[in-house]
Amino acid sequence: MVAKITIEGVPEVTRAFDKVASSVQDLSEAHKAEADMLLPDVLSATRRLSGDLAAGWQTDGIATQAVFSNDVIYAPMQEFGWSDHNIEPTAAIAQAFEGNQENTGALYGDAIRAIGDRAGFHTE
């Protein structure tokens, strides 16, 4: 005797998994939210003489990462340093990331749960 098992709903589950996979490949909204969350810490660690550098920070999120940009020409020298000119790096962005790992984890956890919920999975 051969046992027969019928599984219903395989196409629906496959579509849901595909939807989750494609959504996770583009977390630009979550990355933008992370950059916005970190911006106050970046601002607090930014050197100020005229205020242009602090006022110039912009945030964005692309598919794979949070993005900080600044059009002030000396922003990279302040952020990363310039040893030839004795400019020590502020590392404001790196410090903001390091100081907010727990908050970042919660933000991405919420984003992943929302993706699962939209795909029809129960997430906690």
PDB file of N, CA and C in Angstrom:
ATOM      1  N   MET A   1       0.840  -1.171   0.000  1.00  0.00           N
ATOM      2  CA  MET A   1       0.000   0.000   0.000  1.00  0.00           C
ATOM      3  C   MET A   1       0.896   1.248   0.000  1.00  0.00           C
ATOM      4  N   VAL A   2       0.554   2.196  -0.811  1.00  0.00           N
ATOM      5  CA  VAL A   2       1.281   3.447  -0.933  1.00  0.00           C
ATOM      6  C   VAL A   2       0.455   4.557  -0.287  1.00  0.00           C
ATOM      7  N   ALA A   3       1.109   5.299   0.599  1.00  0.00           N
ATOM      8  CA  ALA A   3       0.414   6.425   1.233  1.00  0.00           C
ATOM      9  C   ALA A   3       0.462   7.622   0.291  1.00  0.00           C
ATOM     10  N   LYS A   4      -0.599   8.347   0.242  1.00  0.00           N
ATOM     11  CA  LYS A   4      -0.679   9.522  -0.620  1.00  0.00           C
ATOM     12  C   LYS A   4      -0.909  10.750   0.256  1.00  0.00           C
ATOM     13  N   ILE A   5      -0.068  11.731   0.057  1.00  0.00           N
ATOM     14  CA  ILE A   5      -0.184  12.978   0.811  1.00  0.00           C
ATOM     15  C   ILE A   5      -0.459  14.097  -0.185  1.00  0.00           C
ATOM     16  N   THR A   6      -1.452  14.877   0.102  1.00  0.00           N
ATOM     17  CA  THR A   6      -1.783  16.016  -0.745  1.00  0.00           C
ATOM     18  C   THR A   6      -1.523  17.286   0.042  1.00  0.00           C
ATOM     19  N   ILE A   7      -0.754  18.148  -0.545  1.00  0.00           N
ATOM     20  CA  ILE A   7      -0.451  19.440   0.091  1.00  0.00           C
ATOM     21  C   ILE A   7      -1.135  20.520  -0.728  1.00  0.00           C
ATOM     22  N   GLU A   8      -1.964  21.277  -0.078  1.00  0.00           N
ATOM     23  CA  GLU A   8      -2.663  22.363  -0.752  1.00  0.00           C
ATOM     24  C   GLU A   8      -2.012  23.690  -0.388  1.00  0.00           C
ATOM     25  N   GLY A   9      -2.037  24.587  -1.307  1.00  0.00           N
ATOM     26  CA  GLY A   9      -1.546  25.931  -1.029  1.00  0.00           C
ATOM     27  C   GLY A   9      -0.089  26.154  -1.384  1.00  0.00           C
ATOM     28  N   VAL A  10       0.569  25.191  -2.028  1.00  0.00           N
ATOM     29  CA  VAL A  10       1.984  25.351  -2.366  1.00  0.00           C
ATOM     30  C   VAL A  10       2.223  26.577  -3.252  1.00  0.00           C
ATOM     31  N   PRO A  11       1.428  26.816  -4.279  1.00  0.00           N
ATOM     32  CA  PRO A  11       1.674  28.019  -5.090  1.00  0.00           C
ATOM     33  C   PRO A  11       1.574  29.312  -4.269  1.00  0.00           C
ATOM     34  N   GLU A  12       0.611  29.350  -3.348  1.00  0.00           N
ATOM     35  CA  GLU A  12       0.447  30.557  -2.516  1.00  0.00           C
ATOM     36  C   GLU A  12       1.659  30.756  -1.607  1.00  0.00           C
ATOM     37  N   VAL A  13       2.145  29.675  -1.012  1.00  0.00           N
ATOM     38  CA  VAL A  13       3.317  29.771  -0.136  1.00  0.00           C
ATOM     39  C   VAL A  13       4.544  30.179  -0.941  1.00  0.00           C
ATOM     40  N   THR A  14       4.692  29.612  -2.117  1.00  0.00           N
ATOM     41  CA  THR A  14       5.825  29.968  -2.978  1.00  0.00           C
ATOM     42  C   THR A  14       5.785  31.447  -3.343  1.00  0.00           C
ATOM     43  N   ARG A  15       4.601  31.948  -3.693  1.00  0.00           N
ATOM     44  CA  ARG A  15       4.477  33.376  -4.017  1.00  0.00           C
ATOM     45  C   ARG A  15       4.810  34.238  -2.792  1.00  0.00           C
ATOM     46  N   ALA A  16       4.356  33.818  -1.615  1.00  0.00           N
ATOM     47  CA  ALA A  16       4.634  34.579  -0.397  1.00  0.00           C
ATOM     48  C   ALA A  16       6.142  34.615  -0.115  1.00  0.00           C
ATOM     49  N   PHE A  17       6.815  33.471  -0.257  1.00  0.00           N
ATOM     50  CA  PHE A  17       8.267  33.447  -0.044  1.00  0.00           C
ATOM     51  C   PHE A  17       8.991  34.323  -1.058  1.00  0.00           C
ATOM     52  N   ASP A  18       8.543  34.277  -2.312  1.00  0.00           N
ATOM     53  CA  ASP A  18       9.146  35.124  -3.341  1.00  0.00           C
ATOM     54  C   ASP A  18       8.963  36.601  -3.009  1.00  0.00           C
ATOM     55  N   LYS A  19       7.792  36.939  -2.503  1.00  0.00           N
ATOM     56  CA  LYS A  19       7.503  38.328  -2.129  1.00  0.00           C
ATOM     57  C   LYS A  19       8.417  38.773  -0.983  1.00  0.00           C
ATOM     58  N   VAL A  20       8.589  37.912   0.005  1.00  0.00           N
ATOM     59  CA  VAL A  20       9.479  38.230   1.124  1.00  0.00           C
ATOM     60  C   VAL A  20      10.905  38.398   0.618  1.00  0.00           C
ATOM     61  N   ALA A  21      11.366  37.473  -0.210  1.00  0.00           N
ATOM     62  CA  ALA A  21      12.738  37.529  -0.715  1.00  0.00           C
ATOM     63  C   ALA A  21      12.991  38.811  -1.495  1.00  0.00           C
ATOM     64  N   SER A  22      12.076  39.202  -2.356  1.00  0.00           N
ATOM     65  CA  SER A  22      12.282  40.423  -3.134  1.00  0.00           C
ATOM     66  C   SER A  22      12.215  41.660  -2.243  1.00  0.00           C
ATOM     67  N   SER A  23      11.369  41.638  -1.233  1.00  0.00           N
ATOM     68  CA  SER A  23      11.264  42.778  -0.321  1.00  0.00           C
ATOM     69  C   SER A  23      12.517  42.946   0.520  1.00  0.00           C
ATOM     70  N   VAL A  24      13.105  41.852   0.954  1.00  0.00           N
ATOM     71  CA  VAL A  24      14.301  41.921   1.802  1.00  0.00           C
ATOM     72  C   VAL A  24      15.510  42.407   1.003  1.00  0.00           C
ATOM     73  N   GLN A  25      15.502  42.185  -0.310  1.00  0.00           N
ATOM     74  CA  GLN A  25      16.611  42.652  -1.130  1.00  0.00           C
ATOM     75  C   GLN A  25      16.624  44.172  -1.258  1.00  0.00           C
ATOM     76  N   ASP A  26      15.505  44.815  -1.002  1.00  0.00           N
ATOM     77  CA  ASP A  26      15.442  46.267  -1.068  1.00  0.00           C
ATOM     78  C   ASP A  26      14.862  46.803   0.233  1.00  0.00           C
ATOM     79  N   LEU A  27      15.738  47.102   1.163  1.00  0.00           N
ATOM     80  CA  LEU A  27      15.325  47.652   2.458  1.00  0.00           C
ATOM     81  C   LEU A  27      15.569  49.158   2.507  1.00  0.00           C
ATOM     82  N   SER A  28      15.444  49.843   1.359  1.00  0.00           N
ATOM     83  CA  SER A  28      15.771  51.266   1.309  1.00  0.00           C
ATOM     84  C   SER A  28      14.969  52.092   2.314  1.00  0.00           C
ATOM     85  N   GLU A  29      13.705  51.753   2.530  1.00  0.00           N
ATOM     86  CA  GLU A  29      12.910  52.515   3.501  1.00  0.00           C
ATOM     87  C   GLU A  29      13.462  52.339   4.919  1.00  0.00           C
ATOM     88  N   ALA A  30      13.824  51.120   5.268  1.00  0.00           N
ATOM     89  CA  ALA A  30      14.392  50.869   6.598  1.00  0.00           C
ATOM     90  C   ALA A  30      15.754  51.542   6.736  1.00  0.00           C
ATOM     91  N   HIS A  31      16.553  51.519   5.663  1.00  0.00           N
ATOM     92  CA  HIS A  31      17.864  52.168   5.705  1.00  0.00           C
ATOM     93  C   HIS A  31      17.723  53.677   5.871  1.00  0.00           C
ATOM     94  N   LYS A  32      16.746  54.261   5.187  1.00  0.00           N
ATOM     95  CA  LYS A  32      16.487  55.706   5.334  1.00  0.00           C
ATOM     96  C   LYS A  32      16.054  56.012   6.767  1.00  0.00           C
ATOM     97  N   ALA A  33      15.184  55.165   7.320  1.00  0.00           N
ATOM     98  CA  ALA A  33      14.738  55.367   8.708  1.00  0.00           C
ATOM     99  C   ALA A  33      15.912  55.254   9.676  1.00  0.00           C
ATOM    100  N   GLU A  34      16.826  54.332   9.395  1.00  0.00           N
ATOM    101  CA  GLU A  34      18.008  54.200  10.257  1.00  0.00           C
ATOM    102  C   GLU A  34      18.872  55.455  10.179  1.00  0.00           C
ATOM    103  N   ALA A  35      19.128  55.937   8.971  1.00  0.00           N
ATOM    104  CA  ALA A  35      19.940  57.145   8.815  1.00  0.00           C
ATOM    105  C   ALA A  35      19.293  58.328   9.531  1.00  0.00           C
ATOM    106  N   ASP A  36      17.975  58.472   9.391  1.00  0.00           N
ATOM    107  CA  ASP A  36      17.264  59.559  10.072  1.00  0.00           C
ATOM    108  C   ASP A  36      17.364  59.409  11.588  1.00  0.00           C
ATOM    109  N   MET A  37      17.300  58.172  12.078  1.00  0.00           N
ATOM    110  CA  MET A  37      17.402  57.917  13.514  1.00  0.00           C
ATOM    111  C   MET A  37      18.798  58.277  14.033  1.00  0.00           C
ATOM    112  N   LEU A  38      19.825  58.026  13.224  1.00  0.00           N
ATOM    113  CA  LEU A  38      21.205  58.274  13.642  1.00  0.00           C
ATOM    114  C   LEU A  38      21.633  59.733  13.474  1.00  0.00           C
ATOM    115  N   LEU A  39      20.908  60.487  12.661  1.00  0.00           N
ATOM    116  CA  LEU A  39      21.318  61.862  12.351  1.00  0.00           C
ATOM    117  C   LEU A  39      21.558  62.731  13.582  1.00  0.00           C
ATOM    118  N   PRO A  40      20.710  62.719  14.614  1.00  0.00           N
ATOM    119  CA  PRO A  40      21.009  63.561  15.782  1.00  0.00           C
ATOM    120  C   PRO A  40      22.364  63.244  16.429  1.00  0.00           C
ATOM    121  N   ASP A  41      22.749  61.971  16.455  1.00  0.00           N
ATOM    122  CA  ASP A  41      24.053  61.609  17.007  1.00  0.00           C
ATOM    123  C   ASP A  41      25.191  62.068  16.101  1.00  0.00           C
ATOM    124  N   VAL A  42      24.979  61.973  14.796  1.00  0.00           N
ATOM    125  CA  VAL A  42      25.982  62.466  13.847  1.00  0.00           C
ATOM    126  C   VAL A  42      26.153  63.971  14.046  1.00  0.00           C
ATOM    127  N   LEU A  43      25.052  64.682  14.176  1.00  0.00           N
ATOM    128  CA  LEU A  43      25.120  66.132  14.375  1.00  0.00           C
ATOM    129  C   LEU A  43      25.841  66.495  15.667  1.00  0.00           C
ATOM    130  N   SER A  44      25.592  65.733  16.724  1.00  0.00           N
ATOM    131  CA  SER A  44      26.224  66.071  18.004  1.00  0.00           C
ATOM    132  C   SER A  44      27.725  65.832  17.985  1.00  0.00           C
ATOM    133  N   ALA A  45      28.212  64.961  17.108  1.00  0.00           N
ATOM    134  CA  ALA A  45      29.644  64.687  17.026  1.00  0.00           C
ATOM    135  C   ALA A  45      30.333  65.482  15.924  1.00  0.00           C
ATOM    136  N   THR A  46      29.570  66.285  15.184  1.00  0.00           N
ATOM    137  CA  THR A  46      30.129  67.074  14.089  1.00  0.00           C
ATOM    138  C   THR A  46      30.775  68.341  14.631  1.00  0.00           C
ATOM    139  N   ARG A  47      31.993  68.632  14.147  1.00  0.00           N
ATOM    140  CA  ARG A  47      32.668  69.873  14.553  1.00  0.00           C
ATOM    141  C   ARG A  47      31.912  71.071  13.996  1.00  0.00           C
ATOM    142  N   ARG A  48      31.938  72.151  14.760  1.00  0.00           N
ATOM    143  CA  ARG A  48      31.242  73.363  14.321  1.00  0.00           C
ATOM    144  C   ARG A  48      32.161  74.568  14.436  1.00  0.00           C
ATOM    145  N   LEU A  49      32.319  75.236  13.325  1.00  0.00           N
ATOM    146  CA  LEU A  49      32.981  76.529  13.326  1.00  0.00           C
ATOM    147  C   LEU A  49      31.974  77.531  12.744  1.00  0.00           C
ATOM    148  N   SER A  50      31.573  77.299  11.503  1.00  0.00           N
ATOM    149  CA  SER A  50      30.563  78.163  10.884  1.00  0.00           C
ATOM    150  C   SER A  50      29.163  77.559  10.996  1.00  0.00           C
ATOM    151  N   GLY A  51      29.088  76.240  11.201  1.00  0.00           N
ATOM    152  CA  GLY A  51      27.806  75.551  11.238  1.00  0.00           C
ATOM    153  C   GLY A  51      27.415  74.945   9.903  1.00  0.00           C
ATOM    154  N   ASP A  52      28.190  75.254   8.842  1.00  0.00           N
ATOM    155  CA  ASP A  52      27.869  74.740   7.512  1.00  0.00           C
ATOM    156  C   ASP A  52      27.955  73.213   7.440  1.00  0.00           C
ATOM    157  N   LEU A  53      28.962  72.645   8.090  1.00  0.00           N
ATOM    158  CA  LEU A  53      29.137  71.200   8.046  1.00  0.00           C
ATOM    159  C   LEU A  53      27.953  70.481   8.689  1.00  0.00           C
ATOM    160  N   ALA A  54      27.561  70.933   9.868  1.00  0.00           N
ATOM    161  CA  ALA A  54      26.421  70.302  10.555  1.00  0.00           C
ATOM    162  C   ALA A  54      25.136  70.491   9.760  1.00  0.00           C
ATOM    163  N   ALA A  55      24.955  71.667   9.188  1.00  0.00           N
ATOM    164  CA  ALA A  55      23.735  71.939   8.417  1.00  0.00           C
ATOM    165  C   ALA A  55      23.703  71.179   7.100  1.00  0.00           C
ATOM    166  N   GLY A  56      24.854  70.706   6.644  1.00  0.00           N
ATOM    167  CA  GLY A  56      24.929  70.055   5.344  1.00  0.00           C
ATOM    168  C   GLY A  56      24.612  68.572   5.320  1.00  0.00           C
ATOM    169  N   TRP A  57      24.459  67.934   6.492  1.00  0.00           N
ATOM    170  CA  TRP A  57      24.209  66.490   6.495  1.00  0.00           C
ATOM    171  C   TRP A  57      22.850  66.162   5.903  1.00  0.00           C
ATOM    172  N   GLN A  58      22.837  65.173   5.006  1.00  0.00           N
ATOM    173  CA  GLN A  58      21.613  64.669   4.396  1.00  0.00           C
ATOM    174  C   GLN A  58      21.596  63.158   4.543  1.00  0.00           C
ATOM    175  N   THR A  59      20.399  62.590   4.649  1.00  0.00           N
ATOM    176  CA  THR A  59      20.273  61.145   4.801  1.00  0.00           C
ATOM    177  C   THR A  59      19.465  60.568   3.646  1.00  0.00           C
ATOM    178  N   ASP A  60      19.733  59.310   3.378  1.00  0.00           N
ATOM    179  CA  ASP A  60      18.965  58.595   2.376  1.00  0.00           C
ATOM    180  C   ASP A  60      19.111  57.110   2.663  1.00  0.00           C
ATOM    181  N   GLY A  61      18.362  56.318   1.960  1.00  0.00           N
ATOM    182  CA  GLY A  61      18.476  54.879   2.060  1.00  0.00           C
ATOM    183  C   GLY A  61      18.422  54.297   0.670  1.00  0.00           C
ATOM    184  N   ILE A  62      19.364  53.433   0.353  1.00  0.00           N
ATOM    185  CA  ILE A  62      19.319  52.716  -0.914  1.00  0.00           C
ATOM    186  C   ILE A  62      19.042  51.251  -0.587  1.00  0.00           C
ATOM    187  N   ALA A  63      18.936  50.422  -1.574  1.00  0.00           N
ATOM    188  CA  ALA A  63      18.521  49.029  -1.371  1.00  0.00           C
ATOM    189  C   ALA A  63      19.342  48.322  -0.302  1.00  0.00           C
ATOM    190  N   THR A  64      20.629  48.627  -0.229  1.00  0.00           N
ATOM    191  CA  THR A  64      21.515  47.836   0.624  1.00  0.00           C
ATOM    192  C   THR A  64      22.103  48.567   1.826  1.00  0.00           C
ATOM    193  N   GLN A  65      21.870  49.859   1.968  1.00  0.00           N
ATOM    194  CA  GLN A  65      22.506  50.565   3.085  1.00  0.00           C
ATOM    195  C   GLN A  65      21.901  51.941   3.355  1.00  0.00           C
ATOM    196  N   ALA A  66      22.169  52.396   4.570  1.00  0.00           N
ATOM    197  CA  ALA A  66      21.843  53.772   4.938  1.00  0.00           C
ATOM    198  C   ALA A  66      22.932  54.670   4.354  1.00  0.00           C
ATOM    199  N   VAL A  67      22.549  55.879   3.976  1.00  0.00           N
ATOM    200  CA  VAL A  67      23.491  56.778   3.313  1.00  0.00           C
ATOM    201  C   VAL A  67      23.492  58.133   4.019  1.00  0.00           C
ATOM    202  N   PHE A  68      24.702  58.618   4.308  1.00  0.00           N
ATOM    203  CA  PHE A  68      24.898  59.984   4.787  1.00  0.00           C
ATOM    204  C   PHE A  68      25.703  60.710   3.730  1.00  0.00           C
ATOM    205  N   SER A  69      25.302  61.923   3.409  1.00  0.00           N
ATOM    206  CA  SER A  69      26.060  62.730   2.459  1.00  0.00           C
ATOM    207  C   SER A  69      26.125  64.163   2.966  1.00  0.00           C
ATOM    208  N   ASN A  70      27.106  64.882   2.439  1.00  0.00           N
ATOM    209  CA  ASN A  70      27.290  66.271   2.825  1.00  0.00           C
ATOM    210  C   ASN A  70      27.990  66.966   1.665  1.00  0.00           C
ATOM    211  N   ASP A  71      27.427  68.061   1.180  1.00  0.00           N
ATOM    212  CA  ASP A  71      28.002  68.781   0.048  1.00  0.00           C
ATOM    213  C   ASP A  71      29.125  69.732   0.445  1.00  0.00           C
ATOM    214  N   VAL A  72      29.363  69.904   1.739  1.00  0.00           N
ATOM    215  CA  VAL A  72      30.452  70.773   2.177  1.00  0.00           C
ATOM    216  C   VAL A  72      31.758  70.105   1.776  1.00  0.00           C
ATOM    217  N   ILE A  73      32.612  70.833   1.088  1.00  0.00           N
ATOM    218  CA  ILE A  73      33.803  70.251   0.478  1.00  0.00           C
ATOM    219  C   ILE A  73      34.760  69.612   1.498  1.00  0.00           C
ATOM    220  N   TYR A  74      34.797  70.119   2.703  1.00  0.00           N
ATOM    221  CA  TYR A  74      35.726  69.570   3.699  1.00  0.00           C
ATOM    222  C   TYR A  74      35.089  68.506   4.602  1.00  0.00           C
ATOM    223  N   ALA A  75      33.869  68.092   4.289  1.00  0.00           N
ATOM    224  CA  ALA A  75      33.188  67.069   5.100  1.00  0.00           C
ATOM    225  C   ALA A  75      33.995  65.768   5.198  1.00  0.00           C
ATOM    226  N   PRO A  76      34.521  65.234   4.083  1.00  0.00           N
ATOM    227  CA  PRO A  76      35.275  63.981   4.210  1.00  0.00           C
ATOM    228  C   PRO A  76      36.529  64.122   5.077  1.00  0.00           C
ATOM    229  N   MET A  77      37.198  65.267   4.993  1.00  0.00           N
ATOM    230  CA  MET A  77      38.408  65.479   5.798  1.00  0.00           C
ATOM    231  C   MET A  77      38.077  65.524   7.282  1.00  0.00           C
ATOM    232  N   GLN A  78      36.920  66.103   7.618  1.00  0.00           N
ATOM    233  CA  GLN A  78      36.512  66.156   9.018  1.00  0.00           C
ATOM    234  C   GLN A  78      36.066  64.784   9.509  1.00  0.00           C
ATOM    235  N   GLU A  79      35.307  64.083   8.695  1.00  0.00           N
ATOM    236  CA  GLU A  79      34.790  62.778   9.094  1.00  0.00           C
ATOM    237  C   GLU A  79      35.885  61.720   9.179  1.00  0.00           C
ATOM    238  N   PHE A  80      36.760  61.678   8.178  1.00  0.00           N
ATOM    239  CA  PHE A  80      37.754  60.608   8.094  1.00  0.00           C
ATOM    240  C   PHE A  80      39.172  61.040   8.456  1.00  0.00           C
ATOM    241  N   GLY A  81      39.379  62.341   8.625  1.00  0.00           N
ATOM    242  CA  GLY A  81      40.698  62.849   8.986  1.00  0.00           C
ATOM    243  C   GLY A  81      41.576  63.091   7.764  1.00  0.00           C
ATOM    244  N   TRP A  82      42.647  63.811   8.000  1.00  0.00           N
ATOM    245  CA  TRP A  82      43.630  64.101   6.950  1.00  0.00           C
ATOM    246  C   TRP A  82      44.958  64.296   7.652  1.00  0.00           C
ATOM    247  N   SER A  83      45.728  63.231   7.691  1.00  0.00           N
ATOM    248  CA  SER A  83      46.962  63.246   8.482  1.00  0.00           C
ATOM    249  C   SER A  83      47.970  64.270   7.977  1.00  0.00           C
ATOM    250  N   ASP A  84      47.999  64.519   6.665  1.00  0.00           N
ATOM    251  CA  ASP A  84      48.945  65.508   6.121  1.00  0.00           C
ATOM    252  C   ASP A  84      48.699  66.910   6.665  1.00  0.00           C
ATOM    253  N   HIS A  85      47.491  67.150   7.142  1.00  0.00           N
ATOM    254  CA  HIS A  85      47.142  68.472   7.665  1.00  0.00           C
ATOM    255  C   HIS A  85      46.760  68.421   9.142  1.00  0.00           C
ATOM    256  N   ASN A  86      47.132  67.339   9.803  1.00  0.00           N
ATOM    257  CA  ASN A  86      46.872  67.159  11.238  1.00  0.00           C
ATOM    258  C   ASN A  86      45.389  67.311  11.608  1.00  0.00           C
ATOM    259  N   ILE A  87      44.527  66.805  10.765  1.00  0.00           N
ATOM    260  CA  ILE A  87      43.097  66.831  11.055  1.00  0.00           C
ATOM    261  C   ILE A  87      42.711  65.439  11.530  1.00  0.00           C
ATOM    262  N   GLU A  88      42.320  65.359  12.769  1.00  0.00           N
ATOM    263  CA  GLU A  88      41.890  64.089  13.347  1.00  0.00           C
ATOM    264  C   GLU A  88      40.458  63.784  12.892  1.00  0.00           C
ATOM    265  N   PRO A  89      40.160  62.534  12.615  1.00  0.00           N
ATOM    266  CA  PRO A  89      38.790  62.206  12.196  1.00  0.00           C
ATOM    267  C   PRO A  89      37.788  62.357  13.337  1.00  0.00           C
ATOM    268  N   THR A  90      36.598  62.830  13.004  1.00  0.00           N
ATOM    269  CA  THR A  90      35.542  62.857  14.013  1.00  0.00           C
ATOM    270  C   THR A  90      34.865  61.500  14.104  1.00  0.00           C
ATOM    271  N   ALA A  91      34.825  60.785  12.994  1.00  0.00           N
ATOM    272  CA  ALA A  91      34.155  59.476  12.913  1.00  0.00           C
ATOM    273  C   ALA A  91      32.721  59.572  13.453  1.00  0.00           C
ATOM    274  N   ALA A  92      32.073  60.683  13.188  1.00  0.00           N
ATOM    275  CA  ALA A  92      30.727  60.923  13.713  1.00  0.00           C
ATOM    276  C   ALA A  92      29.734  59.863  13.242  1.00  0.00           C
ATOM    277  N   ILE A  93      29.830  59.476  11.979  1.00  0.00           N
ATOM    278  CA  ILE A  93      28.891  58.487  11.442  1.00  0.00           C
ATOM    279  C   ILE A  93      29.148  57.124  12.069  1.00  0.00           C
ATOM    280  N   ALA A  94      30.407  56.705  12.112  1.00  0.00           N
ATOM    281  CA  ALA A  94      30.739  55.399  12.707  1.00  0.00           C
ATOM    282  C   ALA A  94      30.340  55.357  14.180  1.00  0.00           C
ATOM    283  N   GLN A  95      30.574  56.433  14.902  1.00  0.00           N
ATOM    284  CA  GLN A  95      30.184  56.480  16.320  1.00  0.00           C
ATOM    285  C   GLN A  95      28.674  56.374  16.482  1.00  0.00           C
ATOM    286  N   ALA A  96      27.934  57.017  15.583  1.00  0.00           N
ATOM    287  CA  ALA A  96      26.468  56.954  15.657  1.00  0.00           C
ATOM    288  C   ALA A  96      25.990  55.520  15.441  1.00  0.00           C
ATOM    289  N   PHE A  97      26.578  54.824  14.468  1.00  0.00           N
ATOM    290  CA  PHE A  97      26.213  53.427  14.228  1.00  0.00           C
ATOM    291  C   PHE A  97      26.552  52.569  15.440  1.00  0.00           C
ATOM    292  N   GLU A  98      27.752  52.723  15.969  1.00  0.00           N
ATOM    293  CA  GLU A  98      28.186  51.914  17.110  1.00  0.00           C
ATOM    294  C   GLU A  98      27.342  52.178  18.350  1.00  0.00           C
ATOM    295  N   GLY A  99      26.964  53.400  18.581  1.00  0.00           N
ATOM    296  CA  GLY A  99      26.217  53.757  19.771  1.00  0.00           C
ATOM    297  C   GLY A  99      24.735  53.415  19.720  1.00  0.00           C
ATOM    298  N   ASN A 100      24.267  52.974  18.575  1.00  0.00           N
ATOM    299  CA  ASN A 100      22.831  52.712  18.412  1.00  0.00           C
ATOM    300  C   ASN A 100      22.531  51.309  17.908  1.00  0.00           C
ATOM    301  N   GLN A 101      23.394  50.358  18.194  1.00  0.00           N
ATOM    302  CA  GLN A 101      23.201  49.006  17.673  1.00  0.00           C
ATOM    303  C   GLN A 101      21.878  48.397  18.136  1.00  0.00           C
ATOM    304  N   GLU A 102      21.509  48.621  19.380  1.00  0.00           N
ATOM    305  CA  GLU A 102      20.251  48.056  19.880  1.00  0.00           C
ATOM    306  C   GLU A 102      19.050  48.675  19.159  1.00  0.00           C
ATOM    307  N   ASN A 103      19.063  49.991  19.015  1.00  0.00           N
ATOM    308  CA  ASN A 103      17.963  50.671  18.315  1.00  0.00           C
ATOM    309  C   ASN A 103      17.904  50.260  16.847  1.00  0.00           C
ATOM    310  N   THR A 104      19.076  50.105  16.238  1.00  0.00           N
ATOM    311  CA  THR A 104      19.139  49.679  14.845  1.00  0.00           C
ATOM    312  C   THR A 104      18.572  48.273  14.696  1.00  0.00           C
ATOM    313  N   GLY A 105      18.930  47.390  15.614  1.00  0.00           N
ATOM    314  CA  GLY A 105      18.397  46.025  15.583  1.00  0.00           C
ATOM    315  C   GLY A 105      16.884  46.013  15.678  1.00  0.00           C
ATOM    316  N   ALA A 106      16.343  46.830  16.560  1.00  0.00           N
ATOM    317  CA  ALA A 106      14.883  46.906  16.719  1.00  0.00           C
ATOM    318  C   ALA A 106      14.230  47.456  15.451  1.00  0.00           C
ATOM    319  N   LEU A 107      14.832  48.472  14.859  1.00  0.00           N
ATOM    320  CA  LEU A 107      14.281  49.067  13.639  1.00  0.00           C
ATOM    321  C   LEU A 107      14.221  48.033  12.515  1.00  0.00           C
ATOM    322  N   TYR A 108      15.317  47.298  12.316  1.00  0.00           N
ATOM    323  CA  TYR A 108      15.332  46.294  11.246  1.00  0.00           C
ATOM    324  C   TYR A 108      14.440  45.105  11.586  1.00  0.00           C
ATOM    325  N   GLY A 109      14.340  44.750  12.847  1.00  0.00           N
ATOM    326  CA  GLY A 109      13.415  43.691  13.248  1.00  0.00           C
ATOM    327  C   GLY A 109      11.992  44.050  12.888  1.00  0.00           C
ATOM    328  N   ASP A 110      11.617  45.296  13.169  1.00  0.00           N
ATOM    329  CA  ASP A 110      10.270  45.765  12.809  1.00  0.00           C
ATOM    330  C   ASP A 110      10.060  45.738  11.293  1.00  0.00           C
ATOM    331  N   ALA A 111      11.088  46.142  10.545  1.00  0.00           N
ATOM    332  CA  ALA A 111      10.971  46.163   9.084  1.00  0.00           C
ATOM    333  C   ALA A 111      10.791  44.753   8.528  1.00  0.00           C
ATOM    334  N   ILE A 112      11.545  43.809   9.037  1.00  0.00           N
ATOM    335  CA  ILE A 112      11.449  42.421   8.562  1.00  0.00           C
ATOM    336  C   ILE A 112      10.091  41.825   8.948  1.00  0.00           C
ATOM    337  N   ARG A 113       9.637  42.118  10.173  1.00  0.00           N
ATOM    338  CA  ARG A 113       8.309  41.629  10.581  1.00  0.00           C
ATOM    339  C   ARG A 113       7.219  42.198   9.671  1.00  0.00           C
ATOM    340  N   ALA A 114       7.323  43.467   9.327  1.00  0.00           N
ATOM    341  CA  ALA A 114       6.320  44.090   8.456  1.00  0.00           C
ATOM    342  C   ALA A 114       6.321  43.432   7.073  1.00  0.00           C
ATOM    343  N   ILE A 115       7.486  43.088   6.575  1.00  0.00           N
ATOM    344  CA  ILE A 115       7.572  42.394   5.284  1.00  0.00           C
ATOM    345  C   ILE A 115       6.874  41.044   5.383  1.00  0.00           C
ATOM    346  N   GLY A 116       7.145  40.311   6.453  1.00  0.00           N
ATOM    347  CA  GLY A 116       6.481  39.016   6.656  1.00  0.00           C
ATOM    348  C   GLY A 116       4.992  39.157   6.771  1.00  0.00           C
ATOM    349  N   ASP A 117       4.542  40.170   7.511  1.00  0.00           N
ATOM    350  CA  ASP A 117       3.102  40.391   7.674  1.00  0.00           C
ATOM    351  C   ASP A 117       2.432  40.691   6.338  1.00  0.00           C
ATOM    352  N   ARG A 118       3.085  41.529   5.516  1.00  0.00           N
ATOM    353  CA  ARG A 118       2.515  41.866   4.206  1.00  0.00           C
ATOM    354  C   ARG A 118       2.436  40.640   3.291  1.00  0.00           C
ATOM    355  N   ALA A 119       3.363  39.705   3.496  1.00  0.00           N
ATOM    356  CA  ALA A 119       3.367  38.488   2.682  1.00  0.00           C
ATOM    357  C   ALA A 119       2.392  37.446   3.213  1.00  0.00           C
ATOM    358  N   GLY A 120       1.776  37.732   4.348  1.00  0.00           N
ATOM    359  CA  GLY A 120       0.785  36.814   4.891  1.00  0.00           C
ATOM    360  C   GLY A 120       1.312  35.832   5.929  1.00  0.00           C
ATOM    361  N   PHE A 121       2.544  36.058   6.419  1.00  0.00           N
ATOM    362  CA  PHE A 121       3.088  35.212   7.469  1.00  0.00           C
ATOM    363  C   PHE A 121       2.816  35.834   8.817  1.00  0.00           C
ATOM    364  N   HIS A 122       2.570  35.018   9.823  1.00  0.00           N
ATOM    365  CA  HIS A 122       2.436  35.530  11.173  1.00  0.00           C
ATOM    366  C   HIS A 122       3.835  35.703  11.742  1.00  0.00           C
ATOM    367  N   THR A 123       4.166  36.904  12.175  1.00  0.00           N
ATOM    368  CA  THR A 123       5.495  37.170  12.719  1.00  0.00           C
ATOM    369  C   THR A 123       5.381  37.738  14.102  1.00  0.00           C
ATOM    370  N   GLU A 124       6.396  37.498  14.885  1.00  0.00           N
ATOM    371  CA  GLU A 124       6.446  38.044  16.252  1.00  0.00           C
ATOM    372  C   GLU A 124       7.765  38.720  16.492  1.00  0.00           C
TER     373      GLU A 124
END
